[in-house]
């Protein structure tokens, strides 16, 4: 664990005070007992966080260290809060911040944290630094780390009509024949989202690409 954060101590104390072992048990079960939970459900956790963060951003030089401290704590709610803190500090990001996000993606990896980092943090980063897409995304799509590959596929989830369709297709093709549930699910999810903008292109890809059955079902869920 990182050294105790003076800045985050009030937030941490409030989270511990709100803990409920009774609530934690089903939360841990839902996450296959991969993580410990305080038992602070999302609405209360967000209320505590918003009250703390209001007019209380960390020092620009220290925000990554504060996020790392939250990430080091054993209870999963603190990783969720770390992601929210990253977003609150988005005006402090720079070109190198993407490497920090990959650090988080690779640590305590599961769909709940990775999907938020990918679609919110990484997605926004590349709207600010689009010139960095070529350096990272296709390389990520072939990475040995499952969750980095998933990130390359879903980081455009919120892009809508601004989705780089050619890039998404290349990331998908780099992951065809994967046996990984979370890769095939990601492919279907990304296609389903893009189908809201361009259903004909998605149908065409599904028809002419050897996607997994899971990816096909997800892609066509709302367009038939």
Protein backbone atom coordinates (compact mmCIF):
# COMPACT_ATOMS: atom_id res chain seq x y z
CA UNK A 1 0.00 0.00 0.00
CA UNK A 2 1.12 3.55 -0.75
CA UNK A 3 1.95 5.91 2.12
CA UNK A 4 -1.15 7.33 3.83
CA UNK A 5 -2.54 10.33 1.94
CA UNK A 6 -3.29 13.38 4.07
CA UNK A 7 -5.35 14.83 1.23
CA UNK A 8 -7.56 11.74 0.95
CA UNK A 9 -7.86 10.98 4.66
CA UNK A 10 -11.26 12.72 5.11
CA UNK A 11 -12.70 10.83 2.14
CA UNK A 12 -11.26 7.55 3.33
CA UNK A 13 -12.65 8.07 6.83
CA UNK A 14 -16.14 8.79 5.49
CA UNK A 15 -16.07 5.71 3.30
CA UNK A 16 -15.05 3.50 6.22
CA UNK A 17 -17.78 5.05 8.37
CA UNK A 18 -20.37 4.17 5.72
CA UNK A 19 -19.18 0.56 5.38
CA UNK A 20 -21.68 -2.27 5.74
CA UNK A 21 -20.55 -5.88 5.87
CA UNK A 22 -24.11 -6.94 5.11
CA UNK A 23 -24.05 -4.95 1.87
CA UNK A 24 -20.49 -5.99 1.05
CA UNK A 25 -21.20 -9.72 0.83
CA UNK A 26 -23.50 -9.64 -2.24
CA UNK A 27 -21.24 -7.08 -3.92
CA UNK A 28 -18.27 -9.40 -3.49
CA UNK A 29 -20.27 -12.36 -4.73
CA UNK A 30 -21.33 -10.45 -7.86
CA UNK A 31 -17.67 -9.81 -8.59
CA UNK A 32 -16.83 -13.49 -8.09
CA UNK A 33 -15.04 -12.70 -4.82
CA UNK A 34 -12.12 -11.20 -6.70
CA UNK A 35 -12.15 -8.07 -4.53
CA UNK A 36 -13.04 -6.98 -1.03
CA UNK A 37 -15.81 -4.41 -0.67
CA UNK A 38 -16.74 -1.94 2.02
CA UNK A 39 -20.39 -2.37 1.17
CA UNK A 40 -20.90 1.26 0.13
CA UNK A 41 -23.31 1.26 -2.80
CA UNK A 42 -22.75 3.56 -5.76
CA UNK A 43 -25.25 6.33 -4.89
CA UNK A 44 -23.84 6.80 -1.39
CA UNK A 45 -20.25 6.44 -2.58
CA UNK A 46 -20.79 9.14 -5.20
CA UNK A 47 -22.46 11.43 -2.67
CA UNK A 48 -19.48 11.09 -0.34
CA UNK A 49 -17.05 11.66 -3.21
CA UNK A 50 -18.86 14.71 -4.62
CA UNK A 51 -18.99 16.37 -1.23
CA UNK A 52 -15.27 15.76 -0.81
CA UNK A 53 -14.10 16.80 -4.27
CA UNK A 54 -16.10 20.03 -4.42
CA UNK A 55 -13.52 22.82 -4.45
CA UNK A 56 -10.94 20.29 -3.26
CA UNK A 57 -8.92 19.05 -6.23
CA UNK A 58 -5.45 17.68 -5.45
CA UNK A 59 -2.35 19.66 -6.25
CA UNK A 60 -1.52 19.45 -9.94
CA UNK A 61 1.85 17.90 -9.25
CA UNK A 62 0.39 15.17 -7.02
CA UNK A 63 -2.86 14.00 -8.60
CA UNK A 64 -1.43 10.75 -10.01
CA UNK A 65 0.05 9.89 -6.61
CA UNK A 66 -3.34 10.42 -4.97
CA UNK A 67 -4.96 8.13 -7.54
CA UNK A 68 -2.28 5.50 -6.94
CA UNK A 69 -2.96 5.67 -3.23
CA UNK A 70 -6.67 4.99 -3.75
CA UNK A 71 -5.80 2.19 -6.17
CA UNK A 72 -3.57 0.57 -3.56
CA UNK A 73 -6.37 0.25 -1.01
CA UNK A 74 -7.89 -3.24 -0.76
CA UNK A 75 -11.57 -2.32 -1.02
CA UNK A 76 -12.94 -2.05 -4.53
CA UNK A 77 -14.91 1.13 -3.93
CA UNK A 78 -11.62 2.98 -3.71
CA UNK A 79 -10.69 1.96 -7.25
CA UNK A 80 -14.03 3.32 -8.45
CA UNK A 81 -13.31 6.55 -6.61
CA UNK A 82 -9.82 6.67 -8.14
CA UNK A 83 -11.36 6.61 -11.61
CA UNK A 84 -13.69 9.45 -10.65
CA UNK A 85 -10.72 11.40 -9.32
CA UNK A 86 -8.90 10.91 -12.63
CA UNK A 87 -11.89 12.41 -14.41
CA UNK A 88 -12.10 15.35 -12.02
CA UNK A 89 -8.42 16.05 -12.77
CA UNK A 90 -8.78 15.86 -16.56
CA UNK A 91 -7.59 19.46 -17.02
CA UNK A 92 -4.32 18.36 -15.43
CA UNK A 93 -3.71 15.56 -17.93
CA UNK A 94 -0.86 15.76 -20.40
CA UNK A 95 0.30 13.63 -23.32
CA UNK A 96 1.97 11.14 -20.99
CA UNK A 97 -1.18 10.55 -18.94
CA UNK A 98 -2.19 7.70 -21.24
CA UNK A 99 0.67 5.60 -19.86
CA UNK A 100 -0.72 6.14 -16.37
CA UNK A 101 -4.13 4.89 -17.51
CA UNK A 102 -2.55 1.75 -18.92
CA UNK A 103 -0.84 1.24 -15.57
CA UNK A 104 -4.28 1.28 -13.92
CA UNK A 105 -5.81 -0.99 -16.57
CA UNK A 106 -3.17 -3.63 -15.91
CA UNK A 107 -3.55 -3.57 -12.13
CA UNK A 108 -6.52 -5.16 -10.31
CA UNK A 109 -7.98 -5.75 -13.75
CA UNK A 110 -11.62 -6.65 -14.20
CA UNK A 111 -14.43 -5.44 -16.42
CA UNK A 112 -15.80 -2.94 -13.90
CA UNK A 113 -12.64 -0.84 -13.70
CA UNK A 114 -11.31 -1.43 -17.20
CA UNK A 115 -14.54 -0.50 -18.97
CA UNK A 116 -14.79 2.79 -17.11
CA UNK A 117 -11.15 3.65 -17.75
CA UNK A 118 -11.42 2.68 -21.41
CA UNK A 119 -14.69 4.37 -22.34
CA UNK A 120 -14.44 7.45 -20.11
CA UNK A 121 -10.77 8.24 -19.44
CA UNK A 122 -9.01 6.77 -22.47
CA UNK A 123 -11.87 7.77 -24.73
CA UNK A 124 -11.64 11.39 -23.61
CA UNK A 125 -7.84 11.41 -23.70
CA UNK A 126 -7.83 10.59 -27.41
CA UNK A 127 -10.28 13.40 -28.18
CA UNK A 128 -7.76 15.78 -26.61
CA UNK A 129 -4.69 14.10 -28.13
CA UNK A 130 -5.95 12.45 -31.34
CA UNK A 131 -2.42 12.52 -32.75
CA UNK A 132 -1.54 9.78 -30.23
CA UNK A 133 -4.05 7.25 -31.57
CA UNK A 134 -1.69 5.88 -34.21
CA UNK A 135 1.03 5.33 -31.63
CA UNK A 136 -1.10 3.28 -29.27
CA UNK A 137 -4.33 1.71 -30.46
CA UNK A 138 -3.31 -0.89 -33.03
CA UNK A 139 -0.40 -1.92 -30.83
CA UNK A 140 -2.83 -2.35 -27.94
CA UNK A 141 -5.12 -4.44 -30.14
CA UNK A 142 -2.35 -7.06 -30.33
CA UNK A 143 -1.12 -6.73 -26.76
CA UNK A 144 -0.64 -9.90 -24.71
CA UNK A 145 -2.68 -8.33 -21.91
CA UNK A 146 -6.37 -9.18 -22.34
CA UNK A 147 -7.62 -5.95 -20.81
CA UNK A 148 -5.38 -3.75 -22.95
CA UNK A 149 -6.79 -5.46 -26.04
CA UNK A 150 -10.32 -4.91 -24.75
CA UNK A 151 -9.51 -1.23 -24.26
CA UNK A 152 -8.47 -0.86 -27.90
CA UNK A 153 -11.86 -2.20 -28.96
CA UNK A 154 -14.13 -0.21 -26.64
CA UNK A 155 -12.40 3.13 -26.11
CA UNK A 156 -14.63 4.68 -28.82
CA UNK A 157 -17.91 3.60 -27.21
CA UNK A 158 -19.02 7.19 -26.61
CA UNK A 159 -17.82 8.57 -29.94
CA UNK A 160 -21.02 7.97 -31.90
CA UNK A 161 -20.77 9.46 -35.39
CA UNK A 162 -17.15 10.43 -34.67
CA UNK A 163 -16.13 6.77 -34.35
CA UNK A 164 -13.15 5.88 -36.52
CA UNK A 165 -14.84 2.94 -38.20
CA UNK A 166 -11.75 1.81 -40.07
CA UNK A 167 -9.74 1.74 -36.85
CA UNK A 168 -12.45 -0.17 -35.00
CA UNK A 169 -12.57 -2.76 -37.78
CA UNK A 170 -8.81 -3.22 -37.65
CA UNK A 171 -8.91 -3.72 -33.88
CA UNK A 172 -11.68 -6.28 -34.34
CA UNK A 173 -9.81 -8.13 -37.08
CA UNK A 174 -6.73 -8.30 -34.88
CA UNK A 175 -8.84 -10.19 -32.35
CA UNK A 176 -10.81 -12.55 -34.55
CA UNK A 177 -10.78 -16.18 -33.42
CA UNK A 178 -10.15 -15.14 -29.84
CA UNK A 179 -11.48 -17.60 -27.28
CA UNK A 180 -11.63 -14.90 -24.61
CA UNK A 181 -15.16 -14.09 -23.48
CA UNK A 182 -14.26 -10.49 -22.64
CA UNK A 183 -12.75 -9.89 -26.07
CA UNK A 184 -15.69 -11.32 -27.97
CA UNK A 185 -18.12 -9.45 -25.72
CA UNK A 186 -16.18 -6.23 -26.34
CA UNK A 187 -16.35 -6.70 -30.10
CA UNK A 188 -20.10 -7.16 -29.97
CA UNK A 189 -20.54 -4.23 -27.61
CA UNK A 190 -18.49 -1.87 -29.77
CA UNK A 191 -20.42 -2.91 -32.87
CA UNK A 192 -23.76 -2.55 -31.10
CA UNK A 193 -22.86 0.99 -30.10
CA UNK A 194 -21.71 1.92 -33.59
CA UNK A 195 -24.87 0.38 -35.04
CA UNK A 196 -26.79 3.23 -33.42
CA UNK A 197 -24.99 5.51 -35.88
CA UNK A 198 -24.42 3.24 -38.86
CA UNK A 199 -26.44 0.00 -38.72
CA UNK A 200 -25.83 -0.89 -42.37
CA UNK A 201 -22.04 -0.94 -41.93
CA UNK A 202 -22.35 -3.12 -38.85
CA UNK A 203 -24.67 -5.55 -40.61
CA UNK A 204 -22.26 -5.75 -43.51
CA UNK A 205 -19.31 -6.50 -41.24
CA UNK A 206 -21.22 -9.16 -39.31
CA UNK A 207 -22.29 -10.79 -42.56
CA UNK A 208 -18.80 -10.98 -44.04
CA UNK A 209 -16.60 -11.48 -40.98
CA UNK A 210 -15.96 -14.64 -39.01
CA UNK A 211 -17.14 -13.23 -35.69
CA UNK A 212 -17.89 -15.41 -32.69
CA UNK A 213 -21.55 -16.15 -32.06
CA UNK A 214 -21.37 -14.00 -28.94
CA UNK A 215 -20.03 -11.03 -30.91
CA UNK A 216 -22.73 -11.46 -33.56
CA UNK A 217 -25.54 -11.61 -31.01
CA UNK A 218 -24.31 -8.51 -29.24
CA UNK A 219 -23.71 -6.59 -32.47
CA UNK A 220 -27.18 -7.27 -33.87
CA UNK A 221 -29.11 -7.02 -30.61
CA UNK A 222 -30.97 -3.86 -31.59
CA UNK A 223 -30.93 -4.00 -35.38
CA UNK A 224 -31.91 -7.61 -36.17
